[in-house]
Protein backbone atom coordinates (compact mmCIF):
# COMPACT_ATOMS: atom_id res chain seq x y z
CA MET A 1 151.51 164.36 37.24
CA THR A 2 151.65 168.28 38.28
CA ALA A 3 154.22 169.47 40.78
CA ALA A 4 151.78 169.85 43.58
CA ILE A 5 150.57 166.37 43.22
CA ARG A 6 154.30 165.11 43.45
CA GLN A 7 154.89 167.25 46.65
CA TYR A 8 151.54 165.85 48.08
CA LEU A 9 152.77 162.45 47.36
CA VAL A 10 156.32 163.01 48.98
CA ILE A 11 154.61 164.68 52.04
CA THR A 12 152.17 161.85 52.67
CA GLY A 13 154.74 159.18 52.05
CA ASN A 14 156.76 160.74 54.74
CA TYR A 15 153.84 161.14 57.04
CA TRP A 16 152.79 157.67 56.51
CA ALA A 17 156.28 156.11 57.17
CA PHE A 18 156.37 158.35 60.44
CA THR A 19 153.21 157.35 61.47
CA LEU A 20 153.81 153.53 61.29
CA THR A 21 156.64 153.93 63.69
CA ASP A 22 154.89 156.36 66.11
CA GLY A 23 151.81 153.91 66.61
CA ALA A 24 154.07 150.98 66.71
CA LEU A 25 156.29 152.72 69.40
CA ARG A 26 153.30 153.67 71.34
CA MET A 27 151.92 150.04 71.46
CA LEU A 28 155.51 148.77 72.47
CA VAL A 29 155.85 150.96 75.35
CA VAL A 30 152.44 150.56 76.79
CA LEU A 31 152.71 146.63 76.52
CA HIS A 32 156.47 146.07 77.19
CA PHE A 33 156.30 148.25 80.55
CA HIS A 34 153.04 146.71 81.56
CA GLN A 35 154.64 143.31 81.07
CA LEU A 36 157.46 144.56 83.37
CA GLY A 37 154.97 145.29 86.07
CA TYR A 38 154.30 149.14 85.80
CA SER A 39 151.00 150.32 86.98
CA PRO A 40 148.85 152.13 84.65
CA LEU A 41 149.82 155.63 86.33
CA GLU A 42 153.49 154.69 85.65
CA ILE A 43 153.01 153.99 82.00
CA ALA A 44 150.97 157.27 81.55
CA LEU A 45 154.00 159.07 83.21
CA LEU A 46 156.29 157.55 80.58
CA PHE A 47 154.44 159.61 77.99
CA ILE A 48 154.40 162.89 79.84
CA PHE A 49 157.31 164.32 78.03
CA TYR A 50 156.05 163.09 74.66
CA GLU A 51 152.90 164.94 75.19
CA PHE A 52 154.35 168.12 76.73
CA PHE A 53 157.00 168.55 74.26
CA GLY A 54 154.39 168.13 71.65
CA VAL A 55 152.89 171.16 73.05
CA VAL A 56 156.17 173.08 73.07
CA THR A 57 156.96 171.89 69.65
CA ASN A 58 153.77 172.93 67.98
CA LEU A 59 153.91 176.35 69.61
CA VAL A 60 157.58 176.99 68.26
CA GLY A 61 157.53 174.64 65.23
CA GLY A 62 155.06 176.88 63.47
CA TYR A 63 157.50 179.84 63.76
CA LEU A 64 160.45 177.59 62.80
CA GLY A 65 158.41 176.47 59.70
CA ALA A 66 157.58 179.86 58.50
CA ARG A 67 161.38 180.92 59.00
CA MET A 68 163.21 177.90 57.52
CA GLY A 69 160.64 176.31 55.40
CA LEU A 70 158.52 173.01 55.92
CA ASN A 71 160.83 170.94 54.01
CA ARG A 72 163.39 171.30 56.86
CA THR A 73 161.09 170.92 59.78
CA MET A 74 159.67 167.78 58.18
CA ASN A 75 163.00 166.19 57.61
CA ILE A 76 164.19 167.43 61.24
CA GLY A 77 161.22 165.47 62.55
CA LEU A 78 162.17 162.14 60.79
CA PHE A 79 165.62 162.49 62.04
CA LEU A 80 164.65 163.03 65.58
CA GLN A 81 162.23 159.90 65.51
CA ILE A 82 165.40 157.90 64.25
CA ALA A 83 167.19 159.19 67.10
CA ALA A 84 164.62 158.56 69.67
CA LEU A 85 164.33 155.01 68.41
CA ALA A 86 167.95 154.52 68.86
CA MET A 87 167.94 155.54 72.24
CA LEU A 88 165.59 152.69 73.15
CA ALA A 89 167.74 150.11 71.76
CA VAL A 90 170.08 150.09 74.68
CA PRO A 91 170.31 146.96 77.00
CA ALA A 92 167.21 146.43 79.07
CA VAL A 93 169.19 147.34 82.24
CA LEU A 94 169.55 150.92 80.94
CA LEU A 95 165.87 151.32 79.99
CA THR A 96 165.13 153.36 83.18
CA VAL A 97 162.16 155.59 83.51
CA PRO A 98 163.97 158.95 83.10
CA TRP A 99 165.90 157.37 80.04
CA VAL A 100 162.53 156.26 78.27
CA MET A 101 160.72 159.67 79.23
CA ALA A 102 163.75 161.36 77.49
CA ALA A 103 163.46 159.31 74.41
CA GLN A 104 159.66 159.99 74.39
CA ALA A 105 160.25 163.66 74.62
CA LEU A 106 162.54 163.36 71.39
CA SER A 107 159.70 161.30 69.86
CA GLY A 108 157.19 164.08 70.67
CA ILE A 109 159.04 166.92 69.29
CA ALA A 110 159.62 164.76 65.90
CA LYS A 111 155.98 163.67 65.88
CA ASP A 112 154.48 167.15 66.07
CA LEU A 113 157.09 168.61 63.75
CA ASN A 114 156.19 166.06 61.02
CA LYS A 115 152.51 166.50 61.67
CA MET A 116 152.49 170.50 61.52
CA SER A 117 154.74 170.33 58.43
CA ALA A 118 152.38 168.01 56.60
CA LYS A 119 149.28 169.66 57.30
CA SER A 120 150.71 173.13 56.58
CA GLY A 121 152.14 171.76 53.38
CA ILE A 122 148.79 170.90 52.07
CA LYS A 123 147.44 174.41 52.52
CA LEU A 124 150.18 175.81 50.00
CA LEU A 125 149.39 173.23 47.35
CA VAL A 126 145.53 174.02 46.75
CA PRO A 127 144.31 177.41 45.73
CA ASP A 128 142.07 179.07 48.40
CA GLU A 129 139.09 178.94 45.92
CA GLN A 130 139.21 175.03 45.62
CA GLN A 131 137.76 174.47 49.21
CA GLY A 132 136.21 171.08 48.20
CA THR A 133 139.80 169.85 46.89
CA LEU A 134 141.37 171.11 50.09
CA TYR A 135 138.85 169.24 52.34
CA LYS A 136 139.22 166.20 50.50
CA TRP A 137 143.22 166.31 50.32
CA VAL A 138 143.30 166.84 54.33
CA ALA A 139 140.81 164.09 54.73
CA ILE A 140 142.73 161.89 52.70
CA LEU A 141 145.91 162.75 54.64
CA THR A 142 144.56 162.58 58.04
CA GLY A 143 142.55 159.46 57.48
CA SER A 144 145.53 157.57 55.77
CA LYS A 145 147.61 158.68 58.46
CA ASN A 146 145.49 157.27 61.21
CA THR A 147 144.84 154.03 59.46
CA LEU A 148 148.53 153.58 59.20
CA LYS A 149 148.79 154.34 62.91
CA GLY A 150 146.52 151.38 63.49
CA VAL A 151 148.71 149.39 61.52
CA GLY A 152 151.37 150.52 63.64
CA PHE A 153 149.61 149.31 66.83
CA PHE A 154 149.43 145.98 65.38
CA LEU A 155 152.84 146.10 64.05
CA GLY A 156 154.08 146.93 67.57
CA GLY A 157 152.43 143.90 69.14
CA VAL A 158 153.59 141.71 66.51
CA LEU A 159 157.42 142.93 66.55
CA LEU A 160 157.28 142.79 70.63
CA MET A 161 156.02 139.16 70.32
CA SER A 162 158.54 138.12 67.47
CA VAL A 163 161.60 140.03 68.00
CA GLY A 164 161.56 141.62 71.26
CA PHE A 165 161.34 145.21 72.39
CA THR A 166 165.39 146.05 71.32
CA GLY A 167 164.98 144.21 67.81
CA ALA A 168 161.58 146.23 67.38
CA VAL A 169 163.01 149.43 67.64
CA LEU A 170 166.34 148.66 65.60
CA ILE A 171 164.09 147.60 62.73
CA MET A 172 161.91 150.81 62.72
CA ALA A 173 165.06 152.99 63.03
CA THR A 174 166.68 151.41 60.05
CA ALA A 175 163.35 151.71 57.95
CA LEU A 176 162.76 155.32 58.78
CA GLY A 177 166.55 156.20 58.01
CA LEU A 178 165.83 155.00 54.57
CA VAL A 179 162.60 157.29 54.30
CA TRP A 180 164.71 160.35 55.85
CA LEU A 181 167.39 159.97 53.05
CA ALA A 182 165.03 160.03 50.37
CA SER A 183 163.16 162.97 51.60
CA LEU A 184 166.07 165.13 51.74
CA PHE A 185 166.33 164.90 48.00
CA LEU A 186 162.58 164.76 46.99
CA LEU A 187 161.00 167.55 49.10
CA LYS A 188 160.85 171.08 47.66
CA GLN A 189 163.37 173.42 49.13
CA GLU A 190 161.44 176.37 49.81
CA LEU A 191 157.99 175.06 50.73
CA GLY A 192 156.17 177.08 53.39
CA LYS A 193 158.71 179.68 53.88
CA SER A 194 157.22 182.85 54.82
CA LYS A 195 158.05 185.81 52.43
CA ALA A 196 157.80 188.10 55.49
CA LYS A 197 160.02 187.00 58.28
CA PRO A 198 157.64 186.42 61.29
CA LYS A 199 158.58 187.81 64.58
CA PHE A 200 158.78 185.12 67.36
CA ARG A 201 155.68 186.76 69.29
CA GLU A 202 153.53 185.96 66.49
CA ILE A 203 153.43 182.53 67.54
CA LEU A 204 150.45 183.33 69.58
CA SER A 205 147.27 183.49 67.32
CA LYS A 206 145.49 186.82 66.94
CA SER A 207 142.60 185.07 65.07
CA ARG A 208 139.40 184.44 66.81
CA ALA A 209 138.58 181.55 64.68
CA ILE A 210 141.89 179.91 65.20
CA ASN A 211 141.74 180.37 68.98
CA VAL A 212 138.16 178.96 69.34
CA LEU A 213 138.91 176.09 67.08
CA SER A 214 142.14 175.26 68.99
CA ALA A 215 140.35 175.38 72.40
CA ALA A 216 137.60 172.88 71.02
CA ARG A 217 140.42 170.53 69.53
CA MET A 218 142.18 170.65 73.04
CA PHE A 219 138.95 169.01 74.58
CA LEU A 220 138.19 166.70 71.79
CA PHE A 221 141.48 164.96 72.03
CA GLY A 222 141.63 165.23 75.89
CA ALA A 223 138.33 163.18 75.52
CA ARG A 224 139.69 160.37 73.21
CA ASP A 225 142.97 160.18 75.37
CA VAL A 226 141.53 160.09 78.77
CA TRP A 227 140.25 156.33 78.14
CA PHE A 228 142.21 155.22 75.00
CA VAL A 229 145.79 155.80 75.85
CA VAL A 230 146.50 153.81 78.94
CA ALA A 231 143.03 152.64 80.33
CA LEU A 232 141.64 150.89 77.41
CA PRO A 233 144.59 148.53 76.67
CA VAL A 234 145.34 147.82 80.17
CA TYR A 235 141.49 147.09 80.77
CA LEU A 236 141.51 144.74 77.66
CA HIS A 237 144.43 142.81 79.06
CA THR A 238 143.52 142.68 82.66
CA VAL A 239 139.64 142.47 82.68
CA PHE A 240 138.84 140.74 79.15
CA GLY A 241 142.17 138.57 79.57
CA TRP A 242 143.30 139.32 76.06
CA ASP A 243 147.01 138.63 75.24
CA PHE A 244 149.29 141.33 73.69
CA TRP A 245 148.65 140.17 70.06
CA LYS A 246 144.75 140.49 70.56
CA VAL A 247 145.14 143.82 72.31
CA GLY A 248 147.36 145.27 69.61
CA GLY A 249 145.28 143.87 67.12
CA PHE A 250 142.06 145.07 68.16
CA MET A 251 143.26 148.64 68.83
CA ALA A 252 144.97 148.54 65.60
CA THR A 253 141.69 147.45 63.80
CA TRP A 254 140.07 150.43 65.76
CA VAL A 255 142.50 152.97 64.38
CA ILE A 256 142.38 151.54 60.93
CA GLY A 257 138.53 151.78 60.75
CA TYR A 258 138.74 155.21 62.11
CA GLY A 259 141.18 156.47 59.73
CA PHE A 260 139.10 154.98 56.81
CA VAL A 261 135.91 157.00 58.15
CA GLN A 262 137.98 160.18 58.20
CA THR A 263 138.80 159.96 54.23
CA PHE A 264 135.00 159.74 53.65
CA ALA A 265 134.33 162.51 56.13
CA PRO A 266 133.53 165.45 53.38
CA ARG A 267 130.63 163.01 51.86
CA ILE A 268 129.18 162.69 55.20
CA THR A 269 129.44 166.09 56.82
CA GLY A 270 128.58 168.09 53.39
CA ASN A 271 128.48 171.74 53.36
CA LEU A 272 130.98 173.52 55.71
CA GLU A 273 130.32 177.18 54.95
CA SER A 274 128.42 177.25 58.41
CA LYS A 275 129.57 176.25 61.91
CA GLN A 276 126.73 173.64 62.54
CA PRO A 277 128.52 170.58 61.39
CA ALA A 278 131.13 171.11 64.02
CA VAL A 279 128.58 171.69 66.84
CA PHE A 280 126.41 168.87 65.84
CA TRP A 281 129.05 166.07 65.40
CA ALA A 282 130.70 166.96 68.59
CA ALA A 283 127.36 166.84 70.46
CA ALA A 284 126.50 163.58 68.78
CA LEU A 285 130.20 162.26 70.00
CA ALA A 286 129.61 163.28 73.53
CA LEU A 287 126.66 160.86 73.81
CA ILE A 288 128.69 157.73 73.19
CA PRO A 289 131.05 157.39 75.97
CA ALA A 290 128.26 158.27 78.44
CA ALA A 291 126.15 155.49 76.95
CA ILE A 292 129.16 153.07 77.48
CA ALA A 293 129.64 154.14 81.09
CA LEU A 294 125.91 153.76 81.84
CA GLY A 295 125.84 150.31 80.29
CA LEU A 296 128.94 149.24 82.44
CA MET A 297 127.29 150.63 85.42
CA ALA A 298 123.88 148.72 84.75
CA GLY A 299 125.87 145.57 84.45
CA TRP A 300 125.45 144.79 80.87
CA PRO A 301 127.83 142.47 79.21
CA PRO A 302 131.14 144.45 79.46
CA GLN A 303 132.69 143.17 76.07
CA VAL A 304 129.50 143.95 74.17
CA VAL A 305 129.32 147.38 75.78
CA VAL A 306 132.79 148.46 75.55
CA ILE A 307 133.67 146.86 72.07
CA GLY A 308 130.43 148.15 70.38
CA GLY A 309 130.44 151.47 72.04
CA LEU A 310 134.23 151.94 70.99
CA LEU A 311 133.27 151.08 67.45
CA LEU A 312 130.43 153.82 67.55
CA PHE A 313 132.98 156.38 69.17
CA GLY A 314 135.64 155.76 66.55
CA VAL A 315 133.01 156.61 63.91
CA LEU A 316 131.95 159.86 65.29
CA PHE A 317 135.47 160.81 66.42
CA ALA A 318 136.85 160.27 63.02
CA ILE A 319 134.06 162.81 61.60
CA ASN A 320 134.91 165.33 64.17
CA SER A 321 138.74 164.97 63.81
CA SER A 322 138.55 165.30 59.94
CA LEU A 323 136.34 168.20 60.32
CA HIS A 324 138.55 170.10 62.65
CA SER A 325 141.57 169.25 60.39
CA TYR A 326 139.94 170.86 57.36
CA LEU A 327 138.63 173.86 59.35
CA ILE A 328 142.15 174.71 60.53
CA VAL A 329 143.81 174.48 57.35
CA SER A 330 140.79 176.59 55.82
CA TYR A 331 141.11 179.38 58.39
CA ALA A 332 144.72 179.59 58.43
CA ARG A 333 146.68 182.40 56.65
CA GLY A 334 148.24 181.59 53.12
CA ASP A 335 151.59 183.26 54.03
CA GLY A 336 153.11 181.75 57.33
CA VAL A 337 150.41 179.07 57.56
CA SER A 338 152.51 177.00 59.79
CA LEU A 339 152.21 179.51 62.45
CA ASP A 340 148.31 179.23 62.52
CA VAL A 341 148.69 175.32 62.25
CA GLY A 342 151.22 175.20 64.76
CA PHE A 343 149.41 177.02 67.42
CA TYR A 344 146.25 174.71 66.66
CA TYR A 345 148.42 171.62 66.92
CA MET A 346 149.77 172.98 70.00
CA SER A 347 146.26 172.82 71.61
CA ASN A 348 145.85 169.32 70.30
CA ALA A 349 149.00 168.19 72.07
CA ALA A 350 147.67 169.87 75.27
CA GLY A 351 144.58 167.88 75.04
CA ARG A 352 146.66 164.83 74.59
CA LEU A 353 148.80 165.63 77.56
CA LEU A 354 145.61 166.29 79.58
CA GLY A 355 144.06 163.00 78.57
CA THR A 356 147.27 160.86 79.00
CA ILE A 357 147.86 162.01 82.57
CA LEU A 358 143.95 161.28 83.48
CA SER A 359 143.90 158.01 81.75
CA GLY A 360 146.39 156.46 83.99
CA TRP A 361 145.51 158.33 87.37
CA VAL A 362 141.68 158.10 86.92
CA TYR A 363 141.65 154.44 85.61
CA GLN A 364 144.06 153.40 88.53
CA ASN A 365 142.00 155.14 91.34
CA TYR A 366 138.30 154.96 89.91
CA GLY A 367 138.12 152.63 86.82
CA LEU A 368 137.15 152.94 83.19
CA GLU A 369 133.57 154.31 84.03
CA ALA A 370 135.04 157.33 85.60
CA CYS A 371 137.49 157.84 82.63
CA LEU A 372 134.39 157.55 80.20
CA TRP A 373 132.42 160.32 82.15
CA ILE A 374 135.21 162.42 81.98
CA SER A 375 135.47 161.97 78.07
CA ALA A 376 131.76 162.65 77.64
CA GLY A 377 132.18 165.94 79.50
CA LEU A 378 135.35 167.09 77.68
CA VAL A 379 133.40 166.64 74.12
CA ALA A 380 130.40 168.55 75.37
CA MET A 381 132.81 171.32 76.14
CA ALA A 382 134.18 171.01 72.40
CA SER A 383 130.52 171.27 71.27
CA LEU A 384 129.74 174.32 73.21
CA LEU A 385 133.06 176.17 72.06
CA SER A 386 132.19 175.18 68.32
CA LEU A 387 129.14 177.52 68.80
CA MET A 388 131.49 180.36 68.93
CA LEU A 389 133.08 179.66 65.44
CA PRO A 390 132.64 182.20 62.84
CA GLN A 391 131.34 181.42 59.38
CA ARG A 392 134.00 181.04 56.96
CA HIS A 393 133.02 183.90 54.80
CA GLU A 394 133.56 186.14 57.98
CA THR A 395 137.20 184.83 58.29
CA LEU A 396 137.94 185.67 54.76
CA ALA A 397 136.35 189.38 54.92
């Protein structure tokens, strides 16, 4: 086993462990506070700081990764997630909205430090001429992460029903603490540290390819979260009458399948020397939420329309997400890679923030159909922006 593969396995293991807790915590917060009587908009507000600080963290985290090394930023992310979980283990009377928002802010910082470090680290382990290998490694990392996020959704529902909210966060904090201790010893010390110390002003990308792809990513993830974060789980519980086990289990299955498709994206999309795949797959995705909305408005059976449409959306969204994840790593500079990746995932977090806020507000006031129409419009914007992406050989010239 080569040193590069050993580091890849450590990075992936860290990312997997973190993702389990992140998915479980998301489902715990949504279901627990819905159970306490919070409205969809109020639940969405609990995640505002999570997404907002994700924007800030990706912007600054790329700079920190280049200055300090990706091993340190990844380990800091693991530690902050443990602290966020510990904050939520207080007695129920202390779980006020400001306290939960603060814990979610810490979790948002942790999540994006971990993600930026993992995605940037892969770039440094694969030679630039081996783009096929890079795409496969990124697809496996991204797909397996989302599969485990789905497992985390299910885990969150199971833990809530079996040991309660406090017991669930304590169990996760303890398990992640063991992973953090192992990572301190196993992760390479200088991974991702830039040879030339970057200036703070370099956190803003000067690359046209990075800027265009970042904008497309923002609209793509806003399109997912505008109906997936708050609107969908509340809809499944209130309209379909599903209990928390079933809601958590279904959404877990969806994300697991979505992650599974991501790992096979390189076989589906084929040649990536051109920008056409990014344009085509986003345009195809835009049709799905529009079709679901039309089906609901026409009075078709909602369980068939929503569940069937969601499965199709998951397949196409997985391909788009995996494709984007490869392109950012491919376009990014070798030295100081975390600056480009951090800027890109800042846009990703901005899209999630936009989608989260809209998910609660639009669903509460206008229903699921309105969320779906907004989703279709946002994906269409991502497709149009992808027309402006340069060919890869132009970025290497």
